[in-house]
Amino acid sequence: MEAGADTAMIASVVSVGLALYTFFARGDRELGIFVGLWAPTILTLSNHFKQRDIEQQIRSIPLTSSAGNVRETIEELIESRT
């Protein structure tokens, strides 16, 4: 996992924890629901930035007429992400 993805996951888990605490322990249902909606928003933003990085990497692949070179380039791109 990447550092940004780890941070987003931790922030989402904390959001859910705070939402549960606010909803049940403090009894503030509206605030609990509001804070609980942060988790999918944080994960969606993280996913957006991850997809944007992948798109930029794909656009940087040089276009060649040889299928072998494109395959090798894509395999290198996938290996660099893991």
C-alpha atoms as a PDB file:
ATOM      1  CA  MET A   1       0.000   0.000   0.000  1.00  0.00           C
ATOM      2  CA  GLU A   2       1.165   3.512  -0.740  1.00  0.00           C
ATOM      3  CA  ALA A   3       1.634   6.140   1.952  1.00  0.00           C
ATOM      4  CA  GLY A   4      -1.289   8.222   0.652  1.00  0.00           C
ATOM      5  CA  ALA A   5      -3.579   5.210   0.612  1.00  0.00           C
ATOM      6  CA  ASP A   6      -2.546   4.318   4.173  1.00  0.00           C
ATOM      7  CA  THR A   7      -3.304   7.834   5.369  1.00  0.00           C
ATOM      8  CA  ALA A   8      -6.695   7.823   3.660  1.00  0.00           C
ATOM      9  CA  MET A   9      -7.560   4.439   5.150  1.00  0.00           C
ATOM     10  CA  ILE A  10      -6.566   5.556   8.660  1.00  0.00           C
ATOM     11  CA  ALA A  11      -8.539   8.796   8.287  1.00  0.00           C
ATOM     12  CA  SER A  12     -11.592   6.832   7.117  1.00  0.00           C
ATOM     13  CA  VAL A  13     -11.405   4.398  10.030  1.00  0.00           C
ATOM     14  CA  VAL A  14     -11.037   7.299  12.476  1.00  0.00           C
ATOM     15  CA  SER A  15     -14.042   8.978  10.845  1.00  0.00           C
ATOM     16  CA  VAL A  16     -16.168   5.875  11.312  1.00  0.00           C
ATOM     17  CA  GLY A  17     -15.003   5.564  14.936  1.00  0.00           C
ATOM     18  CA  LEU A  18     -15.832   9.191  15.658  1.00  0.00           C
ATOM     19  CA  ALA A  19     -19.194   8.795  13.952  1.00  0.00           C
ATOM     20  CA  LEU A  20     -20.076   5.778  16.079  1.00  0.00           C
ATOM     21  CA  TYR A  21     -18.960   7.557  19.246  1.00  0.00           C
ATOM     22  CA  THR A  22     -20.914  10.697  18.383  1.00  0.00           C
ATOM     23  CA  PHE A  23     -24.000   8.791  17.300  1.00  0.00           C
ATOM     24  CA  PHE A  24     -24.235   6.327  20.204  1.00  0.00           C
ATOM     25  CA  ALA A  25     -22.198   7.661  23.150  1.00  0.00           C
ATOM     26  CA  ARG A  26     -23.047  11.337  22.819  1.00  0.00           C
ATOM     27  CA  GLY A  27     -26.483  10.764  21.313  1.00  0.00           C
ATOM     28  CA  ASP A  28     -26.021  13.372  18.583  1.00  0.00           C
ATOM     29  CA  ARG A  29     -27.466  11.468  15.640  1.00  0.00           C
ATOM     30  CA  GLU A  30     -27.157  14.215  13.025  1.00  0.00           C
ATOM     31  CA  LEU A  31     -23.509  14.962  13.791  1.00  0.00           C
ATOM     32  CA  GLY A  32     -22.755  11.237  13.906  1.00  0.00           C
ATOM     33  CA  ILE A  33     -24.217  10.743  10.433  1.00  0.00           C
ATOM     34  CA  PHE A  34     -22.395  13.837   9.141  1.00  0.00           C
ATOM     35  CA  VAL A  35     -19.023  12.621  10.431  1.00  0.00           C
ATOM     36  CA  GLY A  36     -19.746   9.107   9.132  1.00  0.00           C
ATOM     37  CA  LEU A  37     -20.126  10.505   5.614  1.00  0.00           C
ATOM     38  CA  TRP A  38     -16.521  11.693   5.687  1.00  0.00           C
ATOM     39  CA  ALA A  39     -15.192   8.131   5.268  1.00  0.00           C
ATOM     40  CA  PRO A  40     -16.483   7.514   1.726  1.00  0.00           C
ATOM     41  CA  THR A  41     -15.524  11.063   0.755  1.00  0.00           C
ATOM     42  CA  ILE A  42     -11.940  10.582   1.946  1.00  0.00           C
ATOM     43  CA  LEU A  43     -11.659   7.230   0.164  1.00  0.00           C
ATOM     44  CA  THR A  44     -13.150   8.682  -3.032  1.00  0.00           C
ATOM     45  CA  LEU A  45     -10.641  11.544  -3.049  1.00  0.00           C
ATOM     46  CA  SER A  46      -7.791   9.105  -2.441  1.00  0.00           C
ATOM     47  CA  ASN A  47      -8.998   6.942  -5.323  1.00  0.00           C
ATOM     48  CA  HIS A  48      -9.287   9.984  -7.604  1.00  0.00           C
ATOM     49  CA  PHE A  49      -5.676  11.023  -6.996  1.00  0.00           C
ATOM     50  CA  LYS A  50      -4.466   7.440  -7.443  1.00  0.00           C
ATOM     51  CA  GLN A  51      -6.273   7.175 -10.785  1.00  0.00           C
ATOM     52  CA  ARG A  52      -4.855  10.521 -11.871  1.00  0.00           C
ATOM     53  CA  ASP A  53      -1.308   9.295 -11.127  1.00  0.00           C
ATOM     54  CA  ILE A  54      -1.917   6.118 -13.129  1.00  0.00           C
ATOM     55  CA  GLU A  55      -3.314   8.147 -16.039  1.00  0.00           C
ATOM     56  CA  GLN A  56      -0.214  10.368 -16.041  1.00  0.00           C
ATOM     57  CA  GLN A  57       2.036   7.285 -16.081  1.00  0.00           C
ATOM     58  CA  ILE A  58       0.090   5.785 -18.978  1.00  0.00           C
ATOM     59  CA  ARG A  59       0.289   9.040 -20.942  1.00  0.00           C
ATOM     60  CA  SER A  60       4.060   9.038 -20.456  1.00  0.00           C
ATOM     61  CA  ILE A  61       4.409   5.693 -22.269  1.00  0.00           C
ATOM     62  CA  PRO A  62       6.027   6.359 -25.640  1.00  0.00           C
ATOM     63  CA  LEU A  63       3.933   5.304 -28.612  1.00  0.00           C
ATOM     64  CA  THR A  64       5.718   2.767 -30.796  1.00  0.00           C
ATOM     65  CA  SER A  65       4.655   0.627 -33.709  1.00  0.00           C
ATOM     66  CA  SER A  66       6.093  -2.538 -32.181  1.00  0.00           C
ATOM     67  CA  ALA A  67       3.635  -4.484 -29.997  1.00  0.00           C
ATOM     68  CA  GLY A  68       6.515  -6.071 -28.098  1.00  0.00           C
ATOM     69  CA  ASN A  69       7.797  -2.702 -26.880  1.00  0.00           C
ATOM     70  CA  VAL A  70       4.368  -1.603 -25.708  1.00  0.00           C
ATOM     71  CA  ARG A  71       3.900  -4.865 -23.816  1.00  0.00           C
ATOM     72  CA  GLU A  72       7.296  -4.521 -22.151  1.00  0.00           C
ATOM     73  CA  THR A  73       6.596  -0.918 -21.237  1.00  0.00           C
ATOM     74  CA  ILE A  74       3.251  -1.807 -19.665  1.00  0.00           C
ATOM     75  CA  GLU A  75       4.806  -4.715 -17.764  1.00  0.00           C
ATOM     76  CA  GLU A  76       7.507  -2.375 -16.423  1.00  0.00           C
ATOM     77  CA  LEU A  77       4.819   0.119 -15.416  1.00  0.00           C
ATOM     78  CA  ILE A  78       2.893  -2.573 -13.520  1.00  0.00           C
ATOM     79  CA  GLU A  79       6.058  -3.864 -11.842  1.00  0.00           C
ATOM     80  CA  SER A  80       7.014  -0.358 -10.718  1.00  0.00           C
ATOM     81  CA  ARG A  81       3.616   0.065  -9.019  1.00  0.00           C
ATOM     82  CA  THR A  82       3.975  -3.090  -6.894  1.00  0.00           C
END
